[in-house]
């Protein structure tokens, strides 16, 4: 479990930094250009700002989300392989209760 925790500390920090950079780039590129076009009363250009730039920035955000999903799966597999059947059952039960708590 200590190995999983150590690996996660590094991965989560990297993932968090990458997400912050992606969000920052999105805000800077898309929103900044959109407001500039809007102030210039160029509504057609403001609508086009969301085109290629938005797609490129969203691809980075999607990449971060996909990576986070892979990490999630990897961590669950690591935890399940490091436990006994009974411990795995208790872990999954606790995880299910945790997720159900989000609904309330």
PDB file of N, CA and C in Angstrom:
ATOM      1  N   UNK A   1       0.822  -1.194   0.000  1.00  0.00           N
ATOM      2  CA  UNK A   1       0.000   0.000   0.000  1.00  0.00           C
ATOM      3  C   UNK A   1       0.867   1.260   0.000  1.00  0.00           C
ATOM      4  N   UNK A   2       2.016   1.173   0.676  1.00  0.00           N
ATOM      5  CA  UNK A   2       2.914   2.330   0.692  1.00  0.00           C
ATOM      6  C   UNK A   2       3.430   2.645  -0.711  1.00  0.00           C
ATOM      7  N   UNK A   3       3.695   1.607  -1.494  1.00  0.00           N
ATOM      8  CA  UNK A   3       4.151   1.824  -2.868  1.00  0.00           C
ATOM      9  C   UNK A   3       3.079   2.508  -3.695  1.00  0.00           C
ATOM     10  N   UNK A   4       1.836   2.089  -3.529  1.00  0.00           N
ATOM     11  CA  UNK A   4       0.722   2.707  -4.250  1.00  0.00           C
ATOM     12  C   UNK A   4       0.609   4.170  -3.858  1.00  0.00           C
ATOM     13  N   UNK A   5       0.704   4.444  -2.556  1.00  0.00           N
ATOM     14  CA  UNK A   5       0.594   5.823  -2.067  1.00  0.00           C
ATOM     15  C   UNK A   5       1.724   6.699  -2.601  1.00  0.00           C
ATOM     16  N   UNK A   6       2.935   6.192  -2.598  1.00  0.00           N
ATOM     17  CA  UNK A   6       4.077   6.971  -3.105  1.00  0.00           C
ATOM     18  C   UNK A   6       3.922   7.266  -4.592  1.00  0.00           C
ATOM     19  N   UNK A   7       3.484   6.258  -5.339  1.00  0.00           N
ATOM     20  CA  UNK A   7       3.277   6.451  -6.775  1.00  0.00           C
ATOM     21  C   UNK A   7       2.170   7.471  -7.027  1.00  0.00           C
ATOM     22  N   UNK A   8       1.122   7.397  -6.228  1.00  0.00           N
ATOM     23  CA  UNK A   8       0.000   8.328  -6.398  1.00  0.00           C
ATOM     24  C   UNK A   8       0.389   9.774  -6.091  1.00  0.00           C
ATOM     25  N   UNK A   9       1.214   9.970  -5.092  1.00  0.00           N
ATOM     26  CA  UNK A   9       1.641  11.331  -4.763  1.00  0.00           C
ATOM     27  C   UNK A   9       2.289  11.996  -5.961  1.00  0.00           C
ATOM     28  N   UNK A  10       3.142  11.261  -6.644  1.00  0.00           N
ATOM     29  CA  UNK A  10       3.826  11.805  -7.816  1.00  0.00           C
ATOM     30  C   UNK A  10       2.848  12.013  -8.975  1.00  0.00           C
ATOM     31  N   UNK A  11       2.019  11.001  -9.236  1.00  0.00           N
ATOM     32  CA  UNK A  11       1.092  11.071 -10.368  1.00  0.00           C
ATOM     33  C   UNK A  11       0.059  12.171 -10.172  1.00  0.00           C
ATOM     34  N   UNK A  12      -0.506  12.279  -8.977  1.00  0.00           N
ATOM     35  CA  UNK A  12      -1.540  13.289  -8.725  1.00  0.00           C
ATOM     36  C   UNK A  12      -0.967  14.694  -8.859  1.00  0.00           C
ATOM     37  N   UNK A  13       0.242  14.906  -8.371  1.00  0.00           N
ATOM     38  CA  UNK A  13       0.868  16.223  -8.510  1.00  0.00           C
ATOM     39  C   UNK A  13       1.085  16.564  -9.982  1.00  0.00           C
ATOM     40  N   UNK A  14       1.570  15.605 -10.745  1.00  0.00           N
ATOM     41  CA  UNK A  14       1.789  15.824 -12.178  1.00  0.00           C
ATOM     42  C   UNK A  14       0.474  16.076 -12.895  1.00  0.00           C
ATOM     43  N   UNK A  15      -0.519  15.279 -12.580  1.00  0.00           N
ATOM     44  CA  UNK A  15      -1.836  15.416 -13.203  1.00  0.00           C
ATOM     45  C   UNK A  15      -2.473  16.751 -12.863  1.00  0.00           C
ATOM     46  N   UNK A  16      -2.357  17.167 -11.624  1.00  0.00           N
ATOM     47  CA  UNK A  16      -2.912  18.444 -11.191  1.00  0.00           C
ATOM     48  C   UNK A  16      -2.233  19.611 -11.905  1.00  0.00           C
ATOM     49  N   UNK A  17      -0.924  19.574 -12.018  1.00  0.00           N
ATOM     50  CA  UNK A  17      -0.200  20.627 -12.735  1.00  0.00           C
ATOM     51  C   UNK A  17      -0.602  20.678 -14.201  1.00  0.00           C
ATOM     52  N   UNK A  18      -0.724  19.519 -14.797  1.00  0.00           N
ATOM     53  CA  UNK A  18      -1.102  19.466 -16.214  1.00  0.00           C
ATOM     54  C   UNK A  18      -2.517  20.015 -16.420  1.00  0.00           C
ATOM     55  N   UNK A  19      -3.426  19.702 -15.519  1.00  0.00           N
ATOM     56  CA  UNK A  19      -4.788  20.215 -15.624  1.00  0.00           C
ATOM     57  C   UNK A  19      -4.822  21.727 -15.428  1.00  0.00           C
ATOM     58  N   UNK A  20      -4.056  22.238 -14.471  1.00  0.00           N
ATOM     59  CA  UNK A  20      -3.998  23.689 -14.263  1.00  0.00           C
ATOM     60  C   UNK A  20      -3.478  24.402 -15.497  1.00  0.00           C
ATOM     61  N   UNK A  21      -2.431  23.847 -16.128  1.00  0.00           N
ATOM     62  CA  UNK A  21      -1.885  24.447 -17.351  1.00  0.00           C
ATOM     63  C   UNK A  21      -2.908  24.413 -18.480  1.00  0.00           C
ATOM     64  N   UNK A  22      -3.633  23.297 -18.614  1.00  0.00           N
ATOM     65  CA  UNK A  22      -4.645  23.174 -19.667  1.00  0.00           C
ATOM     66  C   UNK A  22      -5.776  24.170 -19.452  1.00  0.00           C
ATOM     67  N   UNK A  23      -6.231  24.307 -18.212  1.00  0.00           N
ATOM     68  CA  UNK A  23      -7.295  25.276 -17.913  1.00  0.00           C
ATOM     69  C   UNK A  23      -6.820  26.694 -18.180  1.00  0.00           C
ATOM     70  N   UNK A  24      -5.606  26.997 -17.761  1.00  0.00           N
ATOM     71  CA  UNK A  24      -5.048  28.330 -17.960  1.00  0.00           C
ATOM     72  C   UNK A  24      -4.916  28.655 -19.449  1.00  0.00           C
ATOM     73  N   UNK A  25      -4.412  27.694 -20.207  1.00  0.00           N
ATOM     74  CA  UNK A  25      -4.262  27.905 -21.648  1.00  0.00           C
ATOM     75  C   UNK A  25      -5.618  28.090 -22.312  1.00  0.00           C
ATOM     76  N   UNK A  26      -6.605  27.326 -21.873  1.00  0.00           N
ATOM     77  CA  UNK A  26      -7.951  27.465 -22.428  1.00  0.00           C
ATOM     78  C   UNK A  26      -8.500  28.852 -22.154  1.00  0.00           C
ATOM     79  N   UNK A  27      -8.397  29.274 -20.910  1.00  0.00           N
ATOM     80  CA  UNK A  27      -8.926  30.593 -20.546  1.00  0.00           C
ATOM     81  C   UNK A  27      -8.195  31.702 -21.289  1.00  0.00           C
ATOM     82  N   UNK A  28      -6.892  31.593 -21.374  1.00  0.00           N
ATOM     83  CA  UNK A  28      -6.101  32.628 -22.029  1.00  0.00           C
ATOM     84  C   UNK A  28      -6.386  32.686 -23.528  1.00  0.00           C
ATOM     85  N   UNK A  29      -6.422  31.549 -24.157  1.00  0.00           N
ATOM     86  CA  UNK A  29      -6.580  31.486 -25.602  1.00  0.00           C
ATOM     87  C   UNK A  29      -8.016  31.769 -26.043  1.00  0.00           C
ATOM     88  N   UNK A  30      -8.942  31.087 -25.477  1.00  0.00           N
ATOM     89  CA  UNK A  30     -10.328  31.168 -25.932  1.00  0.00           C
ATOM     90  C   UNK A  30     -11.025  32.417 -25.412  1.00  0.00           C
ATOM     91  N   UNK A  31     -11.052  32.571 -24.120  1.00  0.00           N
ATOM     92  CA  UNK A  31     -11.801  33.679 -23.524  1.00  0.00           C
ATOM     93  C   UNK A  31     -11.163  35.025 -23.868  1.00  0.00           C
ATOM     94  N   UNK A  32      -9.836  35.086 -23.800  1.00  0.00           N
ATOM     95  CA  UNK A  32      -9.154  36.341 -24.127  1.00  0.00           C
ATOM     96  C   UNK A  32      -9.423  36.785 -25.549  1.00  0.00           C
ATOM     97  N   UNK A  33      -9.332  35.854 -26.493  1.00  0.00           N
ATOM     98  CA  UNK A  33      -9.597  36.188 -27.891  1.00  0.00           C
ATOM     99  C   UNK A  33     -11.059  36.531 -28.115  1.00  0.00           C
ATOM    100  N   UNK A  34     -11.941  35.847 -27.431  1.00  0.00           N
ATOM    101  CA  UNK A  34     -13.366  36.100 -27.605  1.00  0.00           C
ATOM    102  C   UNK A  34     -13.719  37.515 -27.145  1.00  0.00           C
ATOM    103  N   UNK A  35     -13.204  37.920 -25.969  1.00  0.00           N
ATOM    104  CA  UNK A  35     -13.492  39.263 -25.482  1.00  0.00           C
ATOM    105  C   UNK A  35     -12.896  40.329 -26.393  1.00  0.00           C
ATOM    106  N   UNK A  36     -11.694  40.061 -26.931  1.00  0.00           N
ATOM    107  CA  UNK A  36     -11.082  41.031 -27.837  1.00  0.00           C
ATOM    108  C   UNK A  36     -11.952  41.211 -29.072  1.00  0.00           C
ATOM    109  N   UNK A  37     -12.448  40.110 -29.645  1.00  0.00           N
ATOM    110  CA  UNK A  37     -13.322  40.198 -30.822  1.00  0.00           C
ATOM    111  C   UNK A  37     -14.631  40.890 -30.476  1.00  0.00           C
ATOM    112  N   UNK A  38     -15.147  40.603 -29.297  1.00  0.00           N
ATOM    113  CA  UNK A  38     -16.418  41.189 -28.877  1.00  0.00           C
ATOM    114  C   UNK A  38     -16.271  42.707 -28.707  1.00  0.00           C
ATOM    115  N   UNK A  39     -15.172  43.147 -28.106  1.00  0.00           N
ATOM    116  CA  UNK A  39     -14.929  44.574 -27.910  1.00  0.00           C
ATOM    117  C   UNK A  39     -14.768  45.297 -29.236  1.00  0.00           C
ATOM    118  N   UNK A  40     -14.245  44.592 -30.216  1.00  0.00           N
ATOM    119  CA  UNK A  40     -14.071  45.184 -31.543  1.00  0.00           C
ATOM    120  C   UNK A  40     -15.373  45.122 -32.349  1.00  0.00           C
ATOM    121  N   UNK A  41     -16.422  44.613 -31.724  1.00  0.00           N
ATOM    122  CA  UNK A  41     -17.741  44.467 -32.354  1.00  0.00           C
ATOM    123  C   UNK A  41     -17.681  43.571 -33.578  1.00  0.00           C
ATOM    124  N   UNK A  42     -16.779  42.635 -33.551  1.00  0.00           N
ATOM    125  CA  UNK A  42     -16.650  41.679 -34.636  1.00  0.00           C
ATOM    126  C   UNK A  42     -17.283  40.373 -34.181  1.00  0.00           C
ATOM    127  N   UNK A  43     -18.598  40.318 -34.248  1.00  0.00           N
ATOM    128  CA  UNK A  43     -19.348  39.181 -33.718  1.00  0.00           C
ATOM    129  C   UNK A  43     -19.041  37.910 -34.491  1.00  0.00           C
ATOM    130  N   UNK A  44     -18.854  38.014 -35.798  1.00  0.00           N
ATOM    131  CA  UNK A  44     -18.542  36.825 -36.593  1.00  0.00           C
ATOM    132  C   UNK A  44     -17.208  36.228 -36.153  1.00  0.00           C
ATOM    133  N   UNK A  45     -16.213  37.074 -35.921  1.00  0.00           N
ATOM    134  CA  UNK A  45     -14.905  36.578 -35.478  1.00  0.00           C
ATOM    135  C   UNK A  45     -15.010  35.996 -34.072  1.00  0.00           C
ATOM    136  N   UNK A  46     -15.832  36.599 -33.225  1.00  0.00           N
ATOM    137  CA  UNK A  46     -16.005  36.094 -31.862  1.00  0.00           C
ATOM    138  C   UNK A  46     -16.593  34.690 -31.884  1.00  0.00           C
ATOM    139  N   UNK A  47     -17.489  34.431 -32.816  1.00  0.00           N
ATOM    140  CA  UNK A  47     -18.071  33.092 -32.923  1.00  0.00           C
ATOM    141  C   UNK A  47     -17.054  32.085 -33.447  1.00  0.00           C
ATOM    142  N   UNK A  48     -16.140  32.528 -34.302  1.00  0.00           N
ATOM    143  CA  UNK A  48     -15.144  31.637 -34.881  1.00  0.00           C
ATOM    144  C   UNK A  48     -14.007  31.327 -33.916  1.00  0.00           C
ATOM    145  N   UNK A  49     -13.808  32.134 -32.896  1.00  0.00           N
ATOM    146  CA  UNK A  49     -12.726  31.916 -31.936  1.00  0.00           C
ATOM    147  C   UNK A  49     -12.839  30.535 -31.321  1.00  0.00           C
ATOM    148  N   UNK A  50     -14.048  30.081 -31.125  1.00  0.00           N
ATOM    149  CA  UNK A  50     -14.254  28.772 -30.512  1.00  0.00           C
ATOM    150  C   UNK A  50     -13.910  27.616 -31.424  1.00  0.00           C
ATOM    151  N   UNK A  51     -13.527  27.849 -32.647  1.00  0.00           N
ATOM    152  CA  UNK A  51     -13.250  26.799 -33.623  1.00  0.00           C
ATOM    153  C   UNK A  51     -12.007  25.989 -33.332  1.00  0.00           C
ATOM    154  N   UNK A  52     -10.955  26.248 -34.063  1.00  0.00           N
ATOM    155  CA  UNK A  52      -9.723  25.451 -33.989  1.00  0.00           C
ATOM    156  C   UNK A  52      -9.029  25.592 -32.636  1.00  0.00           C
ATOM    157  N   UNK A  53      -8.995  26.807 -32.108  1.00  0.00           N
ATOM    158  CA  UNK A  53      -8.343  27.008 -30.814  1.00  0.00           C
ATOM    159  C   UNK A  53      -9.046  26.216 -29.713  1.00  0.00           C
ATOM    160  N   UNK A  54     -10.355  26.258 -29.729  1.00  0.00           N
ATOM    161  CA  UNK A  54     -11.112  25.531 -28.707  1.00  0.00           C
ATOM    162  C   UNK A  54     -10.880  24.034 -28.828  1.00  0.00           C
ATOM    163  N   UNK A  55     -10.823  23.545 -30.055  1.00  0.00           N
ATOM    164  CA  UNK A  55     -10.622  22.118 -30.255  1.00  0.00           C
ATOM    165  C   UNK A  55      -9.258  21.685 -29.729  1.00  0.00           C
ATOM    166  N   UNK A  56      -8.232  22.465 -30.016  1.00  0.00           N
ATOM    167  CA  UNK A  56      -6.883  22.119 -29.547  1.00  0.00           C
ATOM    168  C   UNK A  56      -6.804  22.140 -28.025  1.00  0.00           C
ATOM    169  N   UNK A  57      -7.399  23.143 -27.408  1.00  0.00           N
ATOM    170  CA  UNK A  57      -7.359  23.239 -25.948  1.00  0.00           C
ATOM    171  C   UNK A  57      -8.192  22.148 -25.300  1.00  0.00           C
ATOM    172  N   UNK A  58      -9.327  21.821 -25.895  1.00  0.00           N
ATOM    173  CA  UNK A  58     -10.171  20.768 -25.331  1.00  0.00           C
ATOM    174  C   UNK A  58      -9.517  19.401 -25.469  1.00  0.00           C
ATOM    175  N   UNK A  59      -8.733  19.191 -26.515  1.00  0.00           N
ATOM    176  CA  UNK A  59      -8.021  17.922 -26.662  1.00  0.00           C
ATOM    177  C   UNK A  59      -7.055  17.703 -25.502  1.00  0.00           C
ATOM    178  N   UNK A  60      -6.409  18.769 -25.053  1.00  0.00           N
ATOM    179  CA  UNK A  60      -5.497  18.647 -23.910  1.00  0.00           C
ATOM    180  C   UNK A  60      -6.273  18.315 -22.641  1.00  0.00           C
ATOM    181  N   UNK A  61      -7.410  18.978 -22.432  1.00  0.00           N
ATOM    182  CA  UNK A  61      -8.233  18.696 -21.250  1.00  0.00           C
ATOM    183  C   UNK A  61      -8.738  17.251 -21.297  1.00  0.00           C
ATOM    184  N   UNK A  62      -9.183  16.804 -22.459  1.00  0.00           N
ATOM    185  CA  UNK A  62      -9.649  15.424 -22.618  1.00  0.00           C
ATOM    186  C   UNK A  62      -8.512  14.450 -22.345  1.00  0.00           C
ATOM    187  N   UNK A  63      -7.324  14.775 -22.806  1.00  0.00           N
ATOM    188  CA  UNK A  63      -6.157  13.931 -22.558  1.00  0.00           C
ATOM    189  C   UNK A  63      -5.888  13.786 -21.063  1.00  0.00           C
ATOM    190  N   UNK A  64      -6.011  14.873 -20.319  1.00  0.00           N
ATOM    191  CA  UNK A  64      -5.801  14.832 -18.870  1.00  0.00           C
ATOM    192  C   UNK A  64      -6.874  13.962 -18.207  1.00  0.00           C
ATOM    193  N   UNK A  65      -8.106  14.110 -18.637  1.00  0.00           N
ATOM    194  CA  UNK A  65      -9.196  13.314 -18.057  1.00  0.00           C
ATOM    195  C   UNK A  65      -9.005  11.827 -18.357  1.00  0.00           C
ATOM    196  N   UNK A  66      -8.591  11.507 -19.575  1.00  0.00           N
ATOM    197  CA  UNK A  66      -8.348  10.108 -19.920  1.00  0.00           C
ATOM    198  C   UNK A  66      -7.200   9.528 -19.099  1.00  0.00           C
ATOM    199  N   UNK A  67      -6.169  10.322 -18.905  1.00  0.00           N
ATOM    200  CA  UNK A  67      -5.033   9.866 -18.102  1.00  0.00           C
ATOM    201  C   UNK A  67      -5.482   9.628 -16.659  1.00  0.00           C
ATOM    202  N   UNK A  68      -6.292  10.531 -16.128  1.00  0.00           N
ATOM    203  CA  UNK A  68      -6.799  10.371 -14.759  1.00  0.00           C
ATOM    204  C   UNK A  68      -7.639   9.097 -14.648  1.00  0.00           C
ATOM    205  N   UNK A  69      -8.411   8.799 -15.674  1.00  0.00           N
ATOM    206  CA  UNK A  69      -9.232   7.586 -15.660  1.00  0.00           C
ATOM    207  C   UNK A  69      -8.349   6.337 -15.664  1.00  0.00           C
ATOM    208  N   UNK A  70      -7.267   6.357 -16.455  1.00  0.00           N
ATOM    209  CA  UNK A  70      -6.335   5.230 -16.460  1.00  0.00           C
ATOM    210  C   UNK A  70      -5.678   5.050 -15.097  1.00  0.00           C
ATOM    211  N   UNK A  71      -5.328   6.154 -14.465  1.00  0.00           N
ATOM    212  CA  UNK A  71      -4.721   6.092 -13.132  1.00  0.00           C
ATOM    213  C   UNK A  71      -5.714   5.516 -12.132  1.00  0.00           C
ATOM    214  N   UNK A  72      -6.960   5.937 -12.235  1.00  0.00           N
ATOM    215  CA  UNK A  72      -8.002   5.422 -11.336  1.00  0.00           C
ATOM    216  C   UNK A  72      -8.119   3.916 -11.462  1.00  0.00           C
ATOM    217  N   UNK A  73      -8.190   3.436 -12.696  1.00  0.00           N
ATOM    218  CA  UNK A  73      -8.291   1.995 -12.925  1.00  0.00           C
ATOM    219  C   UNK A  73      -7.065   1.260 -12.397  1.00  0.00           C
ATOM    220  N   UNK A  74      -5.904   1.833 -12.649  1.00  0.00           N
ATOM    221  CA  UNK A  74      -4.652   1.219 -12.214  1.00  0.00           C
ATOM    222  C   UNK A  74      -4.593   1.113 -10.689  1.00  0.00           C
ATOM    223  N   UNK A  75      -5.008   2.157 -10.011  1.00  0.00           N
ATOM    224  CA  UNK A  75      -4.987   2.159  -8.548  1.00  0.00           C
ATOM    225  C   UNK A  75      -5.968   1.116  -8.003  1.00  0.00           C
ATOM    226  N   UNK A  76      -7.147   1.044  -8.584  1.00  0.00           N
ATOM    227  CA  UNK A  76      -8.108   0.037  -8.127  1.00  0.00           C
ATOM    228  C   UNK A  76      -7.570  -1.378  -8.325  1.00  0.00           C
ATOM    229  N   UNK A  77      -6.941  -1.627  -9.457  1.00  0.00           N
ATOM    230  CA  UNK A  77      -6.360  -2.953  -9.708  1.00  0.00           C
ATOM    231  C   UNK A  77      -5.238  -3.231  -8.718  1.00  0.00           C
ATOM    232  N   UNK A  78      -4.385  -2.239  -8.462  1.00  0.00           N
ATOM    233  CA  UNK A  78      -3.292  -2.419  -7.501  1.00  0.00           C
ATOM    234  C   UNK A  78      -3.824  -2.724  -6.099  1.00  0.00           C
ATOM    235  N   UNK A  79      -4.849  -2.007  -5.688  1.00  0.00           N
ATOM    236  CA  UNK A  79      -5.425  -2.230  -4.360  1.00  0.00           C
ATOM    237  C   UNK A  79      -6.048  -3.618  -4.282  1.00  0.00           C
ATOM    238  N   UNK A  80      -6.807  -3.974  -5.310  1.00  0.00           N
ATOM    239  CA  UNK A  80      -7.474  -5.272  -5.303  1.00  0.00           C
ATOM    240  C   UNK A  80      -6.466  -6.419  -5.309  1.00  0.00           C
ATOM    241  N   UNK A  81      -5.339  -6.255  -6.009  1.00  0.00           N
ATOM    242  CA  UNK A  81      -4.352  -7.331  -6.065  1.00  0.00           C
ATOM    243  C   UNK A  81      -3.546  -7.435  -4.769  1.00  0.00           C
ATOM    244  N   UNK A  82      -3.526  -6.364  -3.972  1.00  0.00           N
ATOM    245  CA  UNK A  82      -2.754  -6.381  -2.728  1.00  0.00           C
ATOM    246  C   UNK A  82      -3.582  -6.828  -1.529  1.00  0.00           C
ATOM    247  N   UNK A  83      -4.836  -7.151  -1.740  1.00  0.00           N
ATOM    248  CA  UNK A  83      -5.706  -7.512  -0.624  1.00  0.00           C
ATOM    249  C   UNK A  83      -6.187  -8.956  -0.765  1.00  0.00           C
ATOM    250  N   UNK A  84      -6.719  -9.458   0.336  1.00  0.00           N
ATOM    251  CA  UNK A  84      -7.366 -10.764   0.291  1.00  0.00           C
ATOM    252  C   UNK A  84      -8.766 -10.582  -0.281  1.00  0.00           C
ATOM    253  N   UNK A  85      -9.431 -11.672  -0.541  1.00  0.00           N
ATOM    254  CA  UNK A  85     -10.784 -11.602  -1.100  1.00  0.00           C
ATOM    255  C   UNK A  85     -11.715 -10.865  -0.138  1.00  0.00           C
ATOM    256  N   UNK A  86     -11.604 -11.142   1.143  1.00  0.00           N
ATOM    257  CA  UNK A  86     -12.456 -10.493   2.138  1.00  0.00           C
ATOM    258  C   UNK A  86     -12.164  -8.992   2.213  1.00  0.00           C
ATOM    259  N   UNK A  87     -10.880  -8.629   2.228  1.00  0.00           N
ATOM    260  CA  UNK A  87     -10.510  -7.211   2.260  1.00  0.00           C
ATOM    261  C   UNK A  87     -10.979  -6.494   0.995  1.00  0.00           C
ATOM    262  N   UNK A  88     -10.859  -7.176  -0.143  1.00  0.00           N
ATOM    263  CA  UNK A  88     -11.311  -6.580  -1.403  1.00  0.00           C
ATOM    264  C   UNK A  88     -12.810  -6.327  -1.376  1.00  0.00           C
ATOM    265  N   UNK A  89     -13.556  -7.269  -0.826  1.00  0.00           N
ATOM    266  CA  UNK A  89     -14.998  -7.105  -0.718  1.00  0.00           C
ATOM    267  C   UNK A  89     -15.343  -5.915   0.181  1.00  0.00           C
ATOM    268  N   UNK A  90     -14.661  -5.794   1.316  1.00  0.00           N
ATOM    269  CA  UNK A  90     -14.903  -4.669   2.222  1.00  0.00           C
ATOM    270  C   UNK A  90     -14.532  -3.338   1.562  1.00  0.00           C
ATOM    271  N   UNK A  91     -13.438  -3.343   0.818  1.00  0.00           N
ATOM    272  CA  UNK A  91     -13.020  -2.129   0.115  1.00  0.00           C
ATOM    273  C   UNK A  91     -14.070  -1.710  -0.903  1.00  0.00           C
ATOM    274  N   UNK A  92     -14.531  -2.642  -1.725  1.00  0.00           N
ATOM    275  CA  UNK A  92     -15.537  -2.317  -2.734  1.00  0.00           C
ATOM    276  C   UNK A  92     -16.850  -1.879  -2.108  1.00  0.00           C
ATOM    277  N   UNK A  93     -17.218  -2.495  -0.990  1.00  0.00           N
ATOM    278  CA  UNK A  93     -18.434  -2.086  -0.285  1.00  0.00           C
ATOM    279  C   UNK A  93     -18.292  -0.652   0.219  1.00  0.00           C
ATOM    280  N   UNK A  94     -17.155  -0.327   0.816  1.00  0.00           N
ATOM    281  CA  UNK A  94     -16.911   1.036   1.287  1.00  0.00           C
ATOM    282  C   UNK A  94     -16.881   2.036   0.152  1.00  0.00           C
ATOM    283  N   UNK A  95     -16.276   1.647  -0.975  1.00  0.00           N
ATOM    284  CA  UNK A  95     -16.238   2.525  -2.141  1.00  0.00           C
ATOM    285  C   UNK A  95     -17.641   2.782  -2.676  1.00  0.00           C
ATOM    286  N   UNK A  96     -18.458   1.738  -2.728  1.00  0.00           N
ATOM    287  CA  UNK A  96     -19.838   1.890  -3.193  1.00  0.00           C
ATOM    288  C   UNK A  96     -20.627   2.826  -2.271  1.00  0.00           C
ATOM    289  N   UNK A  97     -20.470   2.688  -0.971  1.00  0.00           N
ATOM    290  CA  UNK A  97     -21.160   3.569  -0.027  1.00  0.00           C
ATOM    291  C   UNK A  97     -20.684   5.010  -0.181  1.00  0.00           C
ATOM    292  N   UNK A  98     -19.404   5.185  -0.416  1.00  0.00           N
ATOM    293  CA  UNK A  98     -18.841   6.520  -0.635  1.00  0.00           C
ATOM    294  C   UNK A  98     -19.463   7.161  -1.870  1.00  0.00           C
ATOM    295  N   UNK A  99     -19.536   6.407  -2.968  1.00  0.00           N
ATOM    296  CA  UNK A  99     -20.093   6.940  -4.205  1.00  0.00           C
ATOM    297  C   UNK A  99     -21.596   7.215  -4.082  1.00  0.00           C
ATOM    298  N   UNK A 100     -22.306   6.366  -3.363  1.00  0.00           N
ATOM    299  CA  UNK A 100     -23.737   6.582  -3.152  1.00  0.00           C
ATOM    300  C   UNK A 100     -23.947   7.856  -2.334  1.00  0.00           C
ATOM    301  N   UNK A 101     -23.005   8.182  -1.458  1.00  0.00           N
ATOM    302  CA  UNK A 101     -23.103   9.398  -0.657  1.00  0.00           C
ATOM    303  C   UNK A 101     -23.120  10.662  -1.491  1.00  0.00           C
ATOM    304  N   UNK A 102     -22.562  10.607  -2.699  1.00  0.00           N
ATOM    305  CA  UNK A 102     -22.585  11.777  -3.578  1.00  0.00           C
ATOM    306  C   UNK A 102     -23.985  12.103  -4.075  1.00  0.00           C
ATOM    307  N   UNK A 103     -24.847  11.121  -4.126  1.00  0.00           N
ATOM    308  CA  UNK A 103     -26.208  11.337  -4.615  1.00  0.00           C
ATOM    309  C   UNK A 103     -27.029  12.161  -3.646  1.00  0.00           C
ATOM    310  N   UNK A 104     -26.674  12.132  -2.370  1.00  0.00           N
ATOM    311  CA  UNK A 104     -27.474  12.814  -1.342  1.00  0.00           C
ATOM    312  C   UNK A 104     -27.016  14.184  -1.107  1.00  0.00           C
TER     313      UNK A 104
END
